[in-house]
Amino acid sequence: MDPTIRVNERVEVAVAYHYRDGSPICMPLKMKYKKQEIVFKKLGLRHPTKKGLRMIHVFDVSDGVNDYRLEFDAEGLIWTLKAILEGENATTN
């Protein structure tokens, strides 16, 4: 059975931008979800993809306990929490 919790809700995300090897890198720092502030400790994966004509950036991040999949719509400037993988099922701990 798949332990992934599908969420698909808009969220507020605070990010930091820095340069690595001359290219700008975006790192989600924290997110507000259901009146809770979740602080991220690890970036597991980041990759751009397309949905139709829109550029979407997918981020897999962890707060040290749970894993979260976030998507950033670069055209609409919208963050969406797509999924949560809780506790013992999380892989980036």
PDB file of N, CA and C in Angstrom:
ATOM      1  N   MET A   1       0.840  -1.186   0.000  1.00  0.00           N
ATOM      2  CA  MET A   1       0.000   0.000   0.000  1.00  0.00           C
ATOM      3  C   MET A   1       0.887   1.252   0.000  1.00  0.00           C
ATOM      4  N   ASP A   2       0.511   2.224  -0.782  1.00  0.00           N
ATOM      5  CA  ASP A   2       1.269   3.467  -0.905  1.00  0.00           C
ATOM      6  C   ASP A   2       1.014   4.352   0.313  1.00  0.00           C
ATOM      7  N   PRO A   3       2.061   4.685   1.090  1.00  0.00           N
ATOM      8  CA  PRO A   3       1.875   5.505   2.290  1.00  0.00           C
ATOM      9  C   PRO A   3       1.804   7.012   2.019  1.00  0.00           C
ATOM     10  N   THR A   4       1.895   7.411   0.756  1.00  0.00           N
ATOM     11  CA  THR A   4       1.888   8.826   0.394  1.00  0.00           C
ATOM     12  C   THR A   4       0.510   9.438   0.630  1.00  0.00           C
ATOM     13  N   ILE A   5       0.499  10.575   1.318  1.00  0.00           N
ATOM     14  CA  ILE A   5      -0.735  11.328   1.543  1.00  0.00           C
ATOM     15  C   ILE A   5      -0.829  12.382   0.446  1.00  0.00           C
ATOM     16  N   ARG A   6      -1.817  12.273  -0.403  1.00  0.00           N
ATOM     17  CA  ARG A   6      -2.018  13.241  -1.489  1.00  0.00           C
ATOM     18  C   ARG A   6      -2.700  14.478  -0.910  1.00  0.00           C
ATOM     19  N   VAL A   7      -2.130  15.654  -1.165  1.00  0.00           N
ATOM     20  CA  VAL A   7      -2.650  16.892  -0.584  1.00  0.00           C
ATOM     21  C   VAL A   7      -3.201  17.811  -1.664  1.00  0.00           C
ATOM     22  N   ASN A   8      -2.360  18.243  -2.590  1.00  0.00           N
ATOM     23  CA  ASN A   8      -2.725  19.117  -3.703  1.00  0.00           C
ATOM     24  C   ASN A   8      -3.406  20.409  -3.252  1.00  0.00           C
ATOM     25  N   GLU A   9      -2.775  21.126  -2.303  1.00  0.00           N
ATOM     26  CA  GLU A   9      -3.294  22.401  -1.792  1.00  0.00           C
ATOM     27  C   GLU A   9      -2.262  23.504  -1.957  1.00  0.00           C
ATOM     28  N   ARG A  10      -2.752  24.720  -2.233  1.00  0.00           N
ATOM     29  CA  ARG A  10      -1.863  25.880  -2.284  1.00  0.00           C
ATOM     30  C   ARG A  10      -1.327  26.163  -0.891  1.00  0.00           C
ATOM     31  N   VAL A  11      -0.047  26.536  -0.844  1.00  0.00           N
ATOM     32  CA  VAL A  11       0.595  26.856   0.425  1.00  0.00           C
ATOM     33  C   VAL A  11       1.470  28.092   0.248  1.00  0.00           C
ATOM     34  N   GLU A  12       1.810  28.709   1.375  1.00  0.00           N
ATOM     35  CA  GLU A  12       2.757  29.816   1.378  1.00  0.00           C
ATOM     36  C   GLU A  12       4.129  29.241   1.681  1.00  0.00           C
ATOM     37  N   VAL A  13       5.134  29.635   0.877  1.00  0.00           N
ATOM     38  CA  VAL A  13       6.487  29.116   1.050  1.00  0.00           C
ATOM     39  C   VAL A  13       7.469  30.282   1.082  1.00  0.00           C
ATOM     40  N   ALA A  14       8.378  30.255   2.052  1.00  0.00           N
ATOM     41  CA  ALA A  14       9.482  31.219   2.120  1.00  0.00           C
ATOM     42  C   ALA A  14      10.705  30.536   1.522  1.00  0.00           C
ATOM     43  N   VAL A  15      11.408  31.233   0.639  1.00  0.00           N
ATOM     44  CA  VAL A  15      12.551  30.637  -0.055  1.00  0.00           C
ATOM     45  C   VAL A  15      13.794  31.504   0.079  1.00  0.00           C
ATOM     46  N   ALA A  16      14.937  30.890  -0.172  1.00  0.00           N
ATOM     47  CA  ALA A  16      16.208  31.612  -0.265  1.00  0.00           C
ATOM     48  C   ALA A  16      16.798  31.287  -1.630  1.00  0.00           C
ATOM     49  N   TYR A  17      17.457  32.257  -2.208  1.00  0.00           N
ATOM     50  CA  TYR A  17      18.121  32.057  -3.492  1.00  0.00           C
ATOM     51  C   TYR A  17      19.620  32.235  -3.286  1.00  0.00           C
ATOM     52  N   HIS A  18      20.400  31.342  -3.863  1.00  0.00           N
ATOM     53  CA  HIS A  18      21.847  31.477  -3.842  1.00  0.00           C
ATOM     54  C   HIS A  18      22.404  30.911  -5.142  1.00  0.00           C
ATOM     55  N   TYR A  19      23.699  31.082  -5.350  1.00  0.00           N
ATOM     56  CA  TYR A  19      24.329  30.607  -6.574  1.00  0.00           C
ATOM     57  C   TYR A  19      25.207  29.401  -6.284  1.00  0.00           C
ATOM     58  N   ARG A  20      25.107  28.405  -7.159  1.00  0.00           N
ATOM     59  CA  ARG A  20      25.972  27.235  -7.092  1.00  0.00           C
ATOM     60  C   ARG A  20      26.537  27.035  -8.494  1.00  0.00           C
ATOM     61  N   ASP A  21      27.834  27.064  -8.595  1.00  0.00           N
ATOM     62  CA  ASP A  21      28.516  26.913  -9.890  1.00  0.00           C
ATOM     63  C   ASP A  21      28.010  27.927 -10.915  1.00  0.00           C
ATOM     64  N   GLY A  22      27.717  29.149 -10.442  1.00  0.00           N
ATOM     65  CA  GLY A  22      27.292  30.218 -11.331  1.00  0.00           C
ATOM     66  C   GLY A  22      25.822  30.229 -11.701  1.00  0.00           C
ATOM     67  N   SER A  23      25.065  29.227 -11.245  1.00  0.00           N
ATOM     68  CA  SER A  23      23.633  29.167 -11.558  1.00  0.00           C
ATOM     69  C   SER A  23      22.806  29.449 -10.312  1.00  0.00           C
ATOM     70  N   PRO A  24      21.705  30.199 -10.459  1.00  0.00           N
ATOM     71  CA  PRO A  24      20.868  30.471  -9.287  1.00  0.00           C
ATOM     72  C   PRO A  24      20.122  29.210  -8.838  1.00  0.00           C
ATOM     73  N   ILE A  25      20.080  29.007  -7.539  1.00  0.00           N
ATOM     74  CA  ILE A  25      19.397  27.859  -6.941  1.00  0.00           C
ATOM     75  C   ILE A  25      18.346  28.391  -5.966  1.00  0.00           C
ATOM     76  N   CYS A  26      17.153  27.840  -6.030  1.00  0.00           N
ATOM     77  CA  CYS A  26      16.070  28.205  -5.113  1.00  0.00           C
ATOM     78  C   CYS A  26      15.953  27.098  -4.070  1.00  0.00           C
ATOM     79  N   MET A  27      15.908  27.492  -2.790  1.00  0.00           N
ATOM     80  CA  MET A  27      15.754  26.520  -1.721  1.00  0.00           C
ATOM     81  C   MET A  27      14.572  26.911  -0.851  1.00  0.00           C
ATOM     82  N   PRO A  28      13.505  26.104  -0.821  1.00  0.00           N
ATOM     83  CA  PRO A  28      12.403  26.375   0.106  1.00  0.00           C
ATOM     84  C   PRO A  28      12.901  26.260   1.543  1.00  0.00           C
ATOM     85  N   LEU A  29      12.636  27.275   2.351  1.00  0.00           N
ATOM     86  CA  LEU A  29      13.077  27.284   3.744  1.00  0.00           C
ATOM     87  C   LEU A  29      11.996  26.804   4.700  1.00  0.00           C
ATOM     88  N   LYS A  30      10.770  27.290   4.461  1.00  0.00           N
ATOM     89  CA  LYS A  30       9.660  26.912   5.339  1.00  0.00           C
ATOM     90  C   LYS A  30       8.346  27.099   4.592  1.00  0.00           C
ATOM     91  N   MET A  31       7.306  26.466   5.146  1.00  0.00           N
ATOM     92  CA  MET A  31       5.996  26.532   4.521  1.00  0.00           C
ATOM     93  C   MET A  31       4.945  26.676   5.609  1.00  0.00           C
ATOM     94  N   LYS A  32       3.869  27.355   5.257  1.00  0.00           N
ATOM     95  CA  LYS A  32       2.707  27.457   6.138  1.00  0.00           C
ATOM     96  C   LYS A  32       1.635  26.533   5.587  1.00  0.00           C
ATOM     97  N   TYR A  33       1.246  25.543   6.419  1.00  0.00           N
ATOM     98  CA  TYR A  33       0.262  24.566   6.006  1.00  0.00           C
ATOM     99  C   TYR A  33      -0.658  24.272   7.180  1.00  0.00           C
ATOM    100  N   LYS A  34      -1.951  24.488   6.977  1.00  0.00           N
ATOM    101  CA  LYS A  34      -2.963  24.287   8.026  1.00  0.00           C
ATOM    102  C   LYS A  34      -2.571  24.983   9.332  1.00  0.00           C
ATOM    103  N   LYS A  35      -2.226  26.259   9.213  1.00  0.00           N
ATOM    104  CA  LYS A  35      -1.878  27.128  10.341  1.00  0.00           C
ATOM    105  C   LYS A  35      -0.614  26.703  11.072  1.00  0.00           C
ATOM    106  N   GLN A  36       0.160  25.803  10.493  1.00  0.00           N
ATOM    107  CA  GLN A  36       1.429  25.371  11.075  1.00  0.00           C
ATOM    108  C   GLN A  36       2.566  25.855  10.200  1.00  0.00           C
ATOM    109  N   GLU A  37       3.675  26.227  10.831  1.00  0.00           N
ATOM    110  CA  GLU A  37       4.877  26.567  10.091  1.00  0.00           C
ATOM    111  C   GLU A  37       5.800  25.350  10.116  1.00  0.00           C
ATOM    112  N   ILE A  38       6.144  24.864   8.946  1.00  0.00           N
ATOM    113  CA  ILE A  38       7.013  23.701   8.810  1.00  0.00           C
ATOM    114  C   ILE A  38       8.344  24.190   8.254  1.00  0.00           C
ATOM    115  N   VAL A  39       9.423  23.955   9.004  1.00  0.00           N
ATOM    116  CA  VAL A  39      10.755  24.404   8.609  1.00  0.00           C
ATOM    117  C   VAL A  39      11.497  23.237   7.964  1.00  0.00           C
ATOM    118  N   PHE A  40      12.002  23.467   6.760  1.00  0.00           N
ATOM    119  CA  PHE A  40      12.701  22.422   6.023  1.00  0.00           C
ATOM    120  C   PHE A  40      14.172  22.376   6.413  1.00  0.00           C
ATOM    121  N   LYS A  41      14.689  21.161   6.507  1.00  0.00           N
ATOM    122  CA  LYS A  41      16.091  20.959   6.862  1.00  0.00           C
ATOM    123  C   LYS A  41      16.903  20.390   5.714  1.00  0.00           C
ATOM    124  N   LYS A  42      16.235  19.684   4.788  1.00  0.00           N
ATOM    125  CA  LYS A  42      16.950  19.056   3.682  1.00  0.00           C
ATOM    126  C   LYS A  42      16.193  19.236   2.372  1.00  0.00           C
ATOM    127  N   LEU A  43      16.983  19.452   1.327  1.00  0.00           N
ATOM    128  CA  LEU A  43      16.452  19.434  -0.032  1.00  0.00           C
ATOM    129  C   LEU A  43      16.875  18.108  -0.635  1.00  0.00           C
ATOM    130  N   GLY A  44      15.913  17.243  -0.908  1.00  0.00           N
ATOM    131  CA  GLY A  44      16.233  15.927  -1.441  1.00  0.00           C
ATOM    132  C   GLY A  44      16.379  15.924  -2.949  1.00  0.00           C
ATOM    133  N   LEU A  45      15.520  16.653  -3.634  1.00  0.00           N
ATOM    134  CA  LEU A  45      15.501  16.642  -5.092  1.00  0.00           C
ATOM    135  C   LEU A  45      14.849  17.921  -5.570  1.00  0.00           C
ATOM    136  N   ARG A  46      15.367  18.450  -6.671  1.00  0.00           N
ATOM    137  CA  ARG A  46      14.744  19.601  -7.318  1.00  0.00           C
ATOM    138  C   ARG A  46      14.884  19.401  -8.804  1.00  0.00           C
ATOM    139  N   HIS A  47      13.770  19.499  -9.509  1.00  0.00           N
ATOM    140  CA  HIS A  47      13.865  19.382 -10.961  1.00  0.00           C
ATOM    141  C   HIS A  47      12.742  20.160 -11.636  1.00  0.00           C
ATOM    142  N   PRO A  48      13.077  20.788 -12.769  1.00  0.00           N
ATOM    143  CA  PRO A  48      12.054  21.478 -13.557  1.00  0.00           C
ATOM    144  C   PRO A  48      11.347  20.473 -14.464  1.00  0.00           C
ATOM    145  N   THR A  49      10.099  20.747 -14.746  1.00  0.00           N
ATOM    146  CA  THR A  49       9.323  19.922 -15.662  1.00  0.00           C
ATOM    147  C   THR A  49       8.277  20.817 -16.313  1.00  0.00           C
ATOM    148  N   LYS A  50       7.556  20.298 -17.266  1.00  0.00           N
ATOM    149  CA  LYS A  50       6.504  21.084 -17.915  1.00  0.00           C
ATOM    150  C   LYS A  50       5.164  20.403 -17.745  1.00  0.00           C
ATOM    151  N   LYS A  51       4.147  21.221 -17.532  1.00  0.00           N
ATOM    152  CA  LYS A  51       2.756  20.775 -17.554  1.00  0.00           C
ATOM    153  C   LYS A  51       2.088  21.622 -18.624  1.00  0.00           C
ATOM    154  N   GLY A  52       1.902  21.025 -19.771  1.00  0.00           N
ATOM    155  CA  GLY A  52       1.411  21.812 -20.899  1.00  0.00           C
ATOM    156  C   GLY A  52       2.476  22.819 -21.282  1.00  0.00           C
ATOM    157  N   LEU A  53       2.113  24.094 -21.314  1.00  0.00           N
ATOM    158  CA  LEU A  53       3.072  25.150 -21.629  1.00  0.00           C
ATOM    159  C   LEU A  53       3.704  25.767 -20.391  1.00  0.00           C
ATOM    160  N   ARG A  54       3.271  25.341 -19.206  1.00  0.00           N
ATOM    161  CA  ARG A  54       3.777  25.925 -17.959  1.00  0.00           C
ATOM    162  C   ARG A  54       5.032  25.216 -17.470  1.00  0.00           C
ATOM    163  N   MET A  55       5.997  26.014 -16.982  1.00  0.00           N
ATOM    164  CA  MET A  55       7.194  25.461 -16.354  1.00  0.00           C
ATOM    165  C   MET A  55       6.895  25.265 -14.875  1.00  0.00           C
ATOM    166  N   ILE A  56       7.074  24.050 -14.397  1.00  0.00           N
ATOM    167  CA  ILE A  56       6.834  23.697 -13.001  1.00  0.00           C
ATOM    168  C   ILE A  56       8.148  23.216 -12.403  1.00  0.00           C
ATOM    169  N   HIS A  57       8.470  23.694 -11.209  1.00  0.00           N
ATOM    170  CA  HIS A  57       9.656  23.247 -10.497  1.00  0.00           C
ATOM    171  C   HIS A  57       9.185  22.378  -9.334  1.00  0.00           C
ATOM    172  N   VAL A  58       9.691  21.150  -9.285  1.00  0.00           N
ATOM    173  CA  VAL A  58       9.291  20.186  -8.260  1.00  0.00           C
ATOM    174  C   VAL A  58      10.404  20.099  -7.221  1.00  0.00           C
ATOM    175  N   PHE A  59      10.021  20.185  -5.950  1.00  0.00           N
ATOM    176  CA  PHE A  59      10.970  20.120  -4.840  1.00  0.00           C
ATOM    177  C   PHE A  59      10.532  19.022  -3.882  1.00  0.00           C
ATOM    178  N   ASP A  60      11.453  18.119  -3.556  1.00  0.00           N
ATOM    179  CA  ASP A  60      11.237  17.152  -2.486  1.00  0.00           C
ATOM    180  C   ASP A  60      12.078  17.618  -1.317  1.00  0.00           C
ATOM    181  N   VAL A  61      11.428  17.955  -0.208  1.00  0.00           N
ATOM    182  CA  VAL A  61      12.108  18.506   0.958  1.00  0.00           C
ATOM    183  C   VAL A  61      11.695  17.729   2.205  1.00  0.00           C
ATOM    184  N   SER A  62      12.490  17.893   3.270  1.00  0.00           N
ATOM    185  CA  SER A  62      12.207  17.202   4.522  1.00  0.00           C
ATOM    186  C   SER A  62      12.373  18.157   5.696  1.00  0.00           C
ATOM    187  N   ASP A  63      11.553  17.960   6.718  1.00  0.00           N
ATOM    188  CA  ASP A  63      11.709  18.713   7.961  1.00  0.00           C
ATOM    189  C   ASP A  63      12.478  17.885   8.992  1.00  0.00           C
ATOM    190  N   GLY A  64      13.044  16.765   8.562  1.00  0.00           N
ATOM    191  CA  GLY A  64      13.766  15.871   9.457  1.00  0.00           C
ATOM    192  C   GLY A  64      12.899  14.745   9.983  1.00  0.00           C
ATOM    193  N   VAL A  65      11.590  14.864   9.817  1.00  0.00           N
ATOM    194  CA  VAL A  65      10.649  13.830  10.243  1.00  0.00           C
ATOM    195  C   VAL A  65       9.823  13.350   9.055  1.00  0.00           C
ATOM    196  N   ASN A  66       9.223  14.290   8.344  1.00  0.00           N
ATOM    197  CA  ASN A  66       8.366  13.986   7.197  1.00  0.00           C
ATOM    198  C   ASN A  66       8.989  14.512   5.910  1.00  0.00           C
ATOM    199  N   ASP A  67       8.608  13.909   4.786  1.00  0.00           N
ATOM    200  CA  ASP A  67       9.001  14.394   3.465  1.00  0.00           C
ATOM    201  C   ASP A  67       7.802  15.085   2.821  1.00  0.00           C
ATOM    202  N   TYR A  68       8.091  16.106   2.029  1.00  0.00           N
ATOM    203  CA  TYR A  68       7.045  16.888   1.372  1.00  0.00           C
ATOM    204  C   TYR A  68       7.419  17.070  -0.092  1.00  0.00           C
ATOM    205  N   ARG A  69       6.437  16.983  -0.973  1.00  0.00           N
ATOM    206  CA  ARG A  69       6.642  17.303  -2.383  1.00  0.00           C
ATOM    207  C   ARG A  69       5.908  18.610  -2.664  1.00  0.00           C
ATOM    208  N   LEU A  70       6.685  19.592  -3.100  1.00  0.00           N
ATOM    209  CA  LEU A  70       6.157  20.908  -3.450  1.00  0.00           C
ATOM    210  C   LEU A  70       6.333  21.139  -4.939  1.00  0.00           C
ATOM    211  N   GLU A  71       5.378  21.862  -5.521  1.00  0.00           N
ATOM    212  CA  GLU A  71       5.517  22.296  -6.899  1.00  0.00           C
ATOM    213  C   GLU A  71       5.380  23.812  -6.945  1.00  0.00           C
ATOM    214  N   PHE A  72       6.263  24.433  -7.728  1.00  0.00           N
ATOM    215  CA  PHE A  72       6.199  25.868  -7.935  1.00  0.00           C
ATOM    216  C   PHE A  72       5.885  26.131  -9.394  1.00  0.00           C
ATOM    217  N   ASP A  73       4.759  26.789  -9.639  1.00  0.00           N
ATOM    218  CA  ASP A  73       4.341  27.180 -10.985  1.00  0.00           C
ATOM    219  C   ASP A  73       5.036  28.505 -11.300  1.00  0.00           C
ATOM    220  N   ALA A  74       6.027  28.463 -12.186  1.00  0.00           N
ATOM    221  CA  ALA A  74       6.832  29.645 -12.483  1.00  0.00           C
ATOM    222  C   ALA A  74       6.051  30.734 -13.205  1.00  0.00           C
ATOM    223  N   GLU A  75       4.970  30.397 -13.879  1.00  0.00           N
ATOM    224  CA  GLU A  75       4.158  31.407 -14.563  1.00  0.00           C
ATOM    225  C   GLU A  75       3.165  32.050 -13.598  1.00  0.00           C
ATOM    226  N   GLY A  76       2.449  31.248 -12.852  1.00  0.00           N
ATOM    227  CA  GLY A  76       1.443  31.761 -11.925  1.00  0.00           C
ATOM    228  C   GLY A  76       2.005  32.158 -10.575  1.00  0.00           C
ATOM    229  N   LEU A  77       3.294  31.818 -10.329  1.00  0.00           N
ATOM    230  CA  LEU A  77       3.969  32.100  -9.060  1.00  0.00           C
ATOM    231  C   LEU A  77       3.189  31.506  -7.878  1.00  0.00           C
ATOM    232  N   ILE A  78       2.776  30.248  -8.047  1.00  0.00           N
ATOM    233  CA  ILE A  78       1.958  29.552  -7.054  1.00  0.00           C
ATOM    234  C   ILE A  78       2.692  28.317  -6.553  1.00  0.00           C
ATOM    235  N   TRP A  79       2.743  28.163  -5.230  1.00  0.00           N
ATOM    236  CA  TRP A  79       3.283  26.966  -4.600  1.00  0.00           C
ATOM    237  C   TRP A  79       2.129  26.030  -4.248  1.00  0.00           C
ATOM    238  N   THR A  80       2.325  24.744  -4.527  1.00  0.00           N
ATOM    239  CA  THR A  80       1.326  23.734  -4.206  1.00  0.00           C
ATOM    240  C   THR A  80       1.994  22.585  -3.469  1.00  0.00           C
ATOM    241  N   LEU A  81       1.440  22.231  -2.314  1.00  0.00           N
ATOM    242  CA  LEU A  81       1.888  21.038  -1.606  1.00  0.00           C
ATOM    243  C   LEU A  81       1.175  19.863  -2.252  1.00  0.00           C
ATOM    244  N   LYS A  82       1.927  19.016  -2.915  1.00  0.00           N
ATOM    245  CA  LYS A  82       1.336  17.896  -3.642  1.00  0.00           C
ATOM    246  C   LYS A  82       1.151  16.667  -2.758  1.00  0.00           C
ATOM    247  N   ALA A  83       2.156  16.391  -1.884  1.00  0.00           N
ATOM    248  CA  ALA A  83       2.092  15.149  -1.109  1.00  0.00           C
ATOM    249  C   ALA A  83       2.961  15.224   0.137  1.00  0.00           C
ATOM    250  N   ILE A  84       2.623  14.367   1.098  1.00  0.00           N
ATOM    251  CA  ILE A  84       3.384  14.209   2.337  1.00  0.00           C
ATOM    252  C   ILE A  84       3.666  12.729   2.525  1.00  0.00           C
ATOM    253  N   LEU A  85       4.893  12.428   2.939  1.00  0.00           N
ATOM    254  CA  LEU A  85       5.270  11.074   3.314  1.00  0.00           C
ATOM    255  C   LEU A  85       5.695  11.163   4.770  1.00  0.00           C
ATOM    256  N   GLU A  86       4.925  10.558   5.654  1.00  0.00           N
ATOM    257  CA  GLU A  86       5.114  10.753   7.090  1.00  0.00           C
ATOM    258  C   GLU A  86       6.117   9.787   7.704  1.00  0.00           C
ATOM    259  N   GLY A  87       6.813  10.303   8.730  1.00  0.00           N
ATOM    260  CA  GLY A  87       7.641   9.533   9.644  1.00  0.00           C
ATOM    261  C   GLY A  87       8.462   8.412   9.083  1.00  0.00           C
ATOM    262  N   GLU A  88       8.177   7.193   9.512  1.00  0.00           N
ATOM    263  CA  GLU A  88       8.991   6.031   9.138  1.00  0.00           C
ATOM    264  C   GLU A  88       8.974   5.739   7.647  1.00  0.00           C
ATOM    265  N   ASN A  89       8.016   6.300   6.928  1.00  0.00           N
ATOM    266  CA  ASN A  89       7.959   6.115   5.475  1.00  0.00           C
ATOM    267  C   ASN A  89       8.811   7.115   4.716  1.00  0.00           C
ATOM    268  N   ALA A  90       9.236   8.196   5.399  1.00  0.00           N
ATOM    269  CA  ALA A  90      10.026   9.241   4.756  1.00  0.00           C
ATOM    270  C   ALA A  90      11.404   8.694   4.390  1.00  0.00           C
ATOM    271  N   THR A  91      11.937   9.178   3.267  1.00  0.00           N
ATOM    272  CA  THR A  91      13.209   8.648   2.771  1.00  0.00           C
ATOM    273  C   THR A  91      14.379   9.597   2.951  1.00  0.00           C
ATOM    274  N   THR A  92      14.153  10.898   3.164  1.00  0.00           N
ATOM    275  CA  THR A  92      15.265  11.850   3.227  1.00  0.00           C
ATOM    276  C   THR A  92      15.671  12.170   4.646  1.00  0.00           C
ATOM    277  N   ASN A  93      15.232  11.400   5.627  1.00  0.00           N
ATOM    278  CA  ASN A  93      15.629  11.660   7.021  1.00  0.00           C
ATOM    279  C   ASN A  93      17.103  11.454   7.203  1.00  0.00           C
TER     280      ASN A  93
END
